[in-house]
Amino acid sequence: MSPPRGPRRDNRKDILIWAMLAIVISGLFPPWIYTYYRTGTADTSGMRSEKSAGYHFILTPPPPEHDFPAYGVKFDMGRLLVEWVCILAASGAAWGVVRLNRERISEATKNPTDL
C-alpha cells in the first residue's frame, strides 16, 4: 500500500523564481568590452578595436586598458541579450518538462492500472 499523497509542490514557481534570479544576477554582473577608437586623418586611416573585458559589477565597470583618450570600456548589450535568451529558453524547456510530468502523473492517478 502506498503512502497517502498530499498536495503536490508546484515546481513551476521554482522555475520562475530561478529564471528571474538568473536574469537579475546576469544584469548585475554584465559583460564589458575594452574599446580602442582612433579617428583617421588625411594621411592615415582610423582604427577600431574591441575585446572582451569579462564580467564586472554594473556600478564598477573595469578600468580601460591604457590611460589614453582613445581607450575605453563599454557595456556589451549583445552578449547580455544572448545570455537572457538562453536563460529564458532553458526555463521554458524546464517548464515544459514539469508540465508534461504533471500531466503524466495526473493521468496515472486517474488510471492506476496503466502504471
N, C-alpha and C. Protein backbone atom coordinates (compact mmCIF):
# COMPACT_ATOMS: atom_id res chain seq x y z
N MET A 1 0.85 -1.18 0.00
CA MET A 1 0.00 0.00 0.00
C MET A 1 0.89 1.24 0.00
N SER A 2 0.59 2.16 -0.85
CA SER A 2 1.41 3.36 -0.96
C SER A 2 0.98 4.40 0.07
N PRO A 3 1.90 5.25 0.49
CA PRO A 3 1.55 6.30 1.46
C PRO A 3 0.57 7.28 0.84
N PRO A 4 -0.26 7.91 1.64
CA PRO A 4 -1.22 8.87 1.10
C PRO A 4 -0.50 10.05 0.46
N ARG A 5 -1.05 10.49 -0.63
CA ARG A 5 -0.44 11.62 -1.34
C ARG A 5 -1.09 12.91 -0.89
N GLY A 6 -0.27 13.85 -0.49
CA GLY A 6 -0.77 15.17 -0.12
C GLY A 6 -0.73 16.08 -1.34
N PRO A 7 -0.94 17.34 -1.13
CA PRO A 7 -0.87 18.27 -2.27
C PRO A 7 0.56 18.31 -2.81
N ARG A 8 0.67 18.27 -4.12
CA ARG A 8 1.99 18.26 -4.76
C ARG A 8 2.55 19.68 -4.83
N ARG A 9 3.84 19.75 -4.67
CA ARG A 9 4.53 21.04 -4.76
C ARG A 9 4.54 21.49 -6.22
N ASP A 10 4.28 22.77 -6.43
CA ASP A 10 4.27 23.31 -7.79
C ASP A 10 5.67 23.75 -8.18
N ASN A 11 6.37 22.92 -8.96
CA ASN A 11 7.74 23.20 -9.38
C ASN A 11 7.83 24.34 -10.37
N ARG A 12 6.70 24.70 -10.97
CA ARG A 12 6.73 25.79 -11.95
C ARG A 12 7.08 27.12 -11.28
N LYS A 13 6.65 27.30 -10.04
CA LYS A 13 7.02 28.52 -9.31
C LYS A 13 8.53 28.57 -9.08
N ASP A 14 9.11 27.43 -8.77
CA ASP A 14 10.57 27.37 -8.58
C ASP A 14 11.30 27.74 -9.86
N ILE A 15 10.79 27.27 -10.98
CA ILE A 15 11.42 27.59 -12.27
C ILE A 15 11.37 29.09 -12.52
N LEU A 16 10.22 29.70 -12.27
CA LEU A 16 10.09 31.15 -12.46
C LEU A 16 11.03 31.92 -11.53
N ILE A 17 11.11 31.49 -10.28
CA ILE A 17 11.99 32.17 -9.31
C ILE A 17 13.44 32.07 -9.75
N TRP A 18 13.88 30.85 -10.15
CA TRP A 18 15.27 30.67 -10.58
C TRP A 18 15.58 31.45 -11.86
N ALA A 19 14.62 31.49 -12.78
CA ALA A 19 14.83 32.25 -14.02
C ALA A 19 14.96 33.74 -13.72
N MET A 20 14.08 34.27 -12.87
CA MET A 20 14.16 35.70 -12.51
C MET A 20 15.47 36.00 -11.78
N LEU A 21 15.87 35.10 -10.89
CA LEU A 21 17.12 35.29 -10.16
C LEU A 21 18.32 35.29 -11.11
N ALA A 22 18.32 34.38 -12.07
CA ALA A 22 19.43 34.31 -13.05
C ALA A 22 19.48 35.57 -13.90
N ILE A 23 18.33 36.09 -14.31
CA ILE A 23 18.31 37.31 -15.11
C ILE A 23 18.79 38.51 -14.30
N VAL A 24 18.38 38.59 -13.04
CA VAL A 24 18.83 39.71 -12.19
C VAL A 24 20.33 39.64 -11.96
N ILE A 25 20.84 38.46 -11.64
CA ILE A 25 22.29 38.32 -11.39
C ILE A 25 23.09 38.62 -12.65
N SER A 26 22.62 38.13 -13.80
CA SER A 26 23.36 38.42 -15.04
C SER A 26 23.27 39.92 -15.38
N GLY A 27 22.20 40.58 -14.97
CA GLY A 27 22.10 42.02 -15.18
C GLY A 27 22.98 42.81 -14.22
N LEU A 28 23.19 42.29 -13.01
CA LEU A 28 24.06 42.96 -12.05
C LEU A 28 25.54 42.79 -12.37
N PHE A 29 25.88 41.69 -13.05
CA PHE A 29 27.27 41.42 -13.44
C PHE A 29 27.32 41.21 -14.95
N PRO A 30 27.13 42.29 -15.72
CA PRO A 30 27.07 42.16 -17.18
C PRO A 30 28.45 42.04 -17.81
N PRO A 31 28.48 41.63 -19.08
CA PRO A 31 29.74 41.59 -19.82
C PRO A 31 30.15 43.00 -20.27
N TRP A 32 31.46 43.23 -20.31
CA TRP A 32 32.02 44.52 -20.72
C TRP A 32 32.99 44.30 -21.87
N ILE A 33 33.26 45.38 -22.61
CA ILE A 33 34.18 45.32 -23.75
C ILE A 33 35.21 46.45 -23.62
N TYR A 34 36.50 46.08 -23.78
CA TYR A 34 37.55 47.10 -23.91
C TYR A 34 37.47 47.65 -25.33
N THR A 35 37.55 48.95 -25.47
CA THR A 35 37.46 49.56 -26.80
C THR A 35 38.71 50.40 -27.09
N TYR A 36 38.99 50.52 -28.37
CA TYR A 36 40.04 51.43 -28.85
C TYR A 36 39.52 52.04 -30.15
N TYR A 37 39.32 53.33 -30.14
CA TYR A 37 38.84 54.05 -31.32
C TYR A 37 39.79 55.20 -31.62
N ARG A 38 40.31 55.21 -32.83
CA ARG A 38 41.16 56.32 -33.26
C ARG A 38 40.65 56.78 -34.61
N THR A 39 40.34 58.05 -34.68
CA THR A 39 39.83 58.59 -35.95
C THR A 39 40.98 58.77 -36.93
N GLY A 40 40.64 58.70 -38.16
CA GLY A 40 41.64 58.85 -39.20
C GLY A 40 41.93 60.32 -39.50
N THR A 41 43.05 60.53 -40.13
CA THR A 41 43.43 61.87 -40.59
C THR A 41 43.56 61.80 -42.11
N ALA A 42 44.02 62.87 -42.69
CA ALA A 42 44.20 62.89 -44.14
C ALA A 42 45.26 61.89 -44.59
N ASP A 43 46.24 61.64 -43.70
CA ASP A 43 47.35 60.75 -44.06
C ASP A 43 47.14 59.30 -43.61
N THR A 44 46.34 59.09 -42.59
CA THR A 44 46.18 57.72 -42.05
C THR A 44 44.69 57.37 -41.95
N SER A 45 44.47 56.08 -41.93
CA SER A 45 43.09 55.63 -41.74
C SER A 45 42.82 55.45 -40.24
N GLY A 46 41.58 55.44 -39.88
CA GLY A 46 41.22 55.26 -38.48
C GLY A 46 41.34 53.81 -38.06
N MET A 47 41.32 53.59 -36.75
CA MET A 47 41.42 52.24 -36.20
C MET A 47 40.31 52.03 -35.20
N ARG A 48 39.83 50.81 -35.18
CA ARG A 48 38.81 50.45 -34.20
C ARG A 48 39.08 49.04 -33.74
N SER A 49 39.06 48.84 -32.42
CA SER A 49 39.32 47.52 -31.87
C SER A 49 38.45 47.31 -30.63
N GLU A 50 37.95 46.10 -30.47
CA GLU A 50 37.18 45.74 -29.28
C GLU A 50 37.59 44.35 -28.84
N LYS A 51 37.67 44.15 -27.52
CA LYS A 51 37.91 42.80 -27.00
C LYS A 51 37.22 42.67 -25.64
N SER A 52 36.94 41.46 -25.26
CA SER A 52 36.18 41.20 -24.05
C SER A 52 36.93 41.68 -22.80
N ALA A 53 36.19 42.28 -21.89
CA ALA A 53 36.76 42.71 -20.61
C ALA A 53 36.22 41.88 -19.47
N GLY A 54 35.47 40.83 -19.77
CA GLY A 54 34.94 39.95 -18.73
C GLY A 54 33.66 40.50 -18.12
N TYR A 55 33.32 39.98 -16.96
CA TYR A 55 32.11 40.35 -16.25
C TYR A 55 32.47 41.11 -14.99
N HIS A 56 31.81 42.24 -14.78
CA HIS A 56 32.06 43.07 -13.60
C HIS A 56 30.73 43.62 -13.10
N PHE A 57 30.72 44.00 -11.84
CA PHE A 57 29.53 44.59 -11.24
C PHE A 57 29.12 45.83 -12.02
N ILE A 58 27.82 46.02 -12.19
CA ILE A 58 27.30 47.09 -13.05
C ILE A 58 27.74 48.49 -12.60
N LEU A 59 27.90 48.70 -11.30
CA LEU A 59 28.28 50.03 -10.80
C LEU A 59 29.78 50.26 -10.78
N THR A 60 30.57 49.22 -11.00
CA THR A 60 32.03 49.37 -11.03
C THR A 60 32.60 48.69 -12.28
N PRO A 61 32.46 49.33 -13.43
CA PRO A 61 33.00 48.73 -14.66
C PRO A 61 34.52 48.64 -14.59
N PRO A 62 35.10 47.78 -15.40
CA PRO A 62 36.56 47.66 -15.39
C PRO A 62 37.20 48.94 -15.92
N PRO A 63 38.40 49.26 -15.45
CA PRO A 63 39.08 50.44 -15.99
C PRO A 63 39.59 50.15 -17.40
N PRO A 64 39.77 51.19 -18.23
CA PRO A 64 40.33 50.97 -19.58
C PRO A 64 41.71 50.34 -19.49
N GLU A 65 42.11 49.69 -20.56
CA GLU A 65 43.42 49.02 -20.59
C GLU A 65 44.58 50.00 -20.46
N HIS A 66 44.45 51.17 -21.09
CA HIS A 66 45.51 52.17 -21.06
C HIS A 66 44.90 53.51 -20.70
N ASP A 67 45.75 54.44 -20.32
CA ASP A 67 45.28 55.75 -19.87
C ASP A 67 45.32 56.79 -20.99
N PHE A 68 44.97 56.40 -22.18
CA PHE A 68 44.94 57.33 -23.31
C PHE A 68 43.48 57.57 -23.70
N PRO A 69 43.18 58.73 -24.26
CA PRO A 69 41.79 59.04 -24.61
C PRO A 69 41.15 58.07 -25.60
N ALA A 70 41.94 57.42 -26.43
CA ALA A 70 41.37 56.52 -27.43
C ALA A 70 40.89 55.20 -26.83
N TYR A 71 41.34 54.88 -25.61
CA TYR A 71 40.97 53.62 -24.97
C TYR A 71 39.76 53.84 -24.07
N GLY A 72 38.90 52.84 -24.02
CA GLY A 72 37.73 52.95 -23.16
C GLY A 72 37.15 51.59 -22.84
N VAL A 73 36.00 51.61 -22.24
CA VAL A 73 35.29 50.38 -21.90
C VAL A 73 33.80 50.64 -22.09
N LYS A 74 33.09 49.64 -22.59
CA LYS A 74 31.65 49.82 -22.76
C LYS A 74 30.92 48.53 -22.41
N PHE A 75 29.65 48.69 -22.19
CA PHE A 75 28.73 47.64 -21.82
C PHE A 75 28.45 46.78 -23.07
N ASP A 76 28.49 45.45 -22.95
CA ASP A 76 28.25 44.56 -24.09
C ASP A 76 26.80 44.06 -24.07
N MET A 77 25.92 44.87 -24.64
CA MET A 77 24.49 44.56 -24.62
C MET A 77 24.17 43.32 -25.46
N GLY A 78 24.89 43.09 -26.53
CA GLY A 78 24.64 41.93 -27.38
C GLY A 78 24.82 40.61 -26.62
N ARG A 79 25.94 40.48 -25.93
CA ARG A 79 26.18 39.26 -25.16
C ARG A 79 25.19 39.10 -24.02
N LEU A 80 24.81 40.22 -23.38
CA LEU A 80 23.84 40.16 -22.29
C LEU A 80 22.49 39.67 -22.80
N LEU A 81 22.07 40.15 -23.97
CA LEU A 81 20.81 39.69 -24.55
C LEU A 81 20.86 38.20 -24.90
N VAL A 82 22.00 37.73 -25.39
CA VAL A 82 22.15 36.30 -25.68
C VAL A 82 22.03 35.49 -24.38
N GLU A 83 22.64 35.97 -23.30
CA GLU A 83 22.52 35.29 -22.01
C GLU A 83 21.06 35.20 -21.58
N TRP A 84 20.34 36.32 -21.70
CA TRP A 84 18.94 36.34 -21.28
C TRP A 84 18.10 35.41 -22.13
N VAL A 85 18.35 35.35 -23.43
CA VAL A 85 17.61 34.43 -24.31
C VAL A 85 17.89 32.98 -23.90
N CYS A 86 19.13 32.67 -23.59
CA CYS A 86 19.48 31.30 -23.15
C CYS A 86 18.80 30.96 -21.83
N ILE A 87 18.77 31.90 -20.89
CA ILE A 87 18.10 31.66 -19.62
C ILE A 87 16.61 31.42 -19.85
N LEU A 88 15.99 32.23 -20.68
CA LEU A 88 14.56 32.07 -20.97
C LEU A 88 14.29 30.75 -21.70
N ALA A 89 15.16 30.36 -22.62
CA ALA A 89 14.97 29.10 -23.35
C ALA A 89 15.10 27.91 -22.40
N ALA A 90 16.11 27.92 -21.53
CA ALA A 90 16.27 26.83 -20.57
C ALA A 90 15.10 26.78 -19.60
N SER A 91 14.62 27.95 -19.17
CA SER A 91 13.46 27.99 -18.27
C SER A 91 12.22 27.47 -18.96
N GLY A 92 12.03 27.84 -20.21
CA GLY A 92 10.88 27.34 -20.96
C GLY A 92 10.92 25.83 -21.14
N ALA A 93 12.11 25.30 -21.40
CA ALA A 93 12.25 23.85 -21.54
C ALA A 93 11.95 23.15 -20.21
N ALA A 94 12.47 23.69 -19.11
CA ALA A 94 12.19 23.12 -17.79
C ALA A 94 10.70 23.20 -17.47
N TRP A 95 10.08 24.33 -17.81
CA TRP A 95 8.64 24.50 -17.60
C TRP A 95 7.86 23.41 -18.35
N GLY A 96 8.24 23.16 -19.61
CA GLY A 96 7.57 22.15 -20.40
C GLY A 96 7.74 20.75 -19.84
N VAL A 97 8.95 20.43 -19.36
CA VAL A 97 9.19 19.11 -18.78
C VAL A 97 8.34 18.93 -17.52
N VAL A 98 8.30 19.95 -16.68
CA VAL A 98 7.49 19.87 -15.46
C VAL A 98 6.01 19.72 -15.81
N ARG A 99 5.56 20.45 -16.80
CA ARG A 99 4.16 20.37 -17.20
C ARG A 99 3.81 18.98 -17.73
N LEU A 100 4.67 18.42 -18.58
CA LEU A 100 4.43 17.07 -19.10
C LEU A 100 4.44 16.05 -17.97
N ASN A 101 5.35 16.22 -17.01
CA ASN A 101 5.43 15.30 -15.89
C ASN A 101 4.17 15.37 -15.04
N ARG A 102 3.66 16.59 -14.82
CA ARG A 102 2.43 16.74 -14.04
C ARG A 102 1.26 16.10 -14.76
N GLU A 103 1.19 16.25 -16.08
CA GLU A 103 0.10 15.63 -16.84
C GLU A 103 0.20 14.11 -16.77
N ARG A 104 1.41 13.58 -16.87
CA ARG A 104 1.60 12.13 -16.79
C ARG A 104 1.18 11.60 -15.43
N ILE A 105 1.54 12.32 -14.37
CA ILE A 105 1.17 11.89 -13.02
C ILE A 105 -0.34 11.97 -12.81
N SER A 106 -0.97 13.03 -13.31
CA SER A 106 -2.42 13.16 -13.13
C SER A 106 -3.17 12.08 -13.90
N GLU A 107 -2.68 11.69 -15.08
CA GLU A 107 -3.29 10.59 -15.82
C GLU A 107 -3.08 9.27 -15.11
N ALA A 108 -1.91 9.08 -14.50
CA ALA A 108 -1.63 7.84 -13.79
C ALA A 108 -2.51 7.70 -12.55
N THR A 109 -2.83 8.80 -11.89
CA THR A 109 -3.71 8.71 -10.71
C THR A 109 -5.15 8.45 -11.12
N LYS A 110 -5.55 8.86 -12.33
CA LYS A 110 -6.90 8.56 -12.81
C LYS A 110 -7.02 7.08 -13.18
N ASN A 111 -5.97 6.53 -13.80
CA ASN A 111 -5.95 5.14 -14.24
C ASN A 111 -4.76 4.43 -13.59
N PRO A 112 -4.87 3.98 -12.34
CA PRO A 112 -3.70 3.37 -11.69
C PRO A 112 -3.27 2.05 -12.30
N THR A 113 -4.09 1.42 -13.11
CA THR A 113 -3.69 0.15 -13.72
C THR A 113 -2.75 0.35 -14.89
N ASP A 114 -2.66 1.61 -15.41
CA ASP A 114 -1.79 1.88 -16.55
C ASP A 114 -0.32 2.02 -16.16
N LEU A 115 0.01 2.03 -14.90
CA LEU A 115 1.40 2.17 -14.47
C LEU A 115 2.12 0.93 -14.86
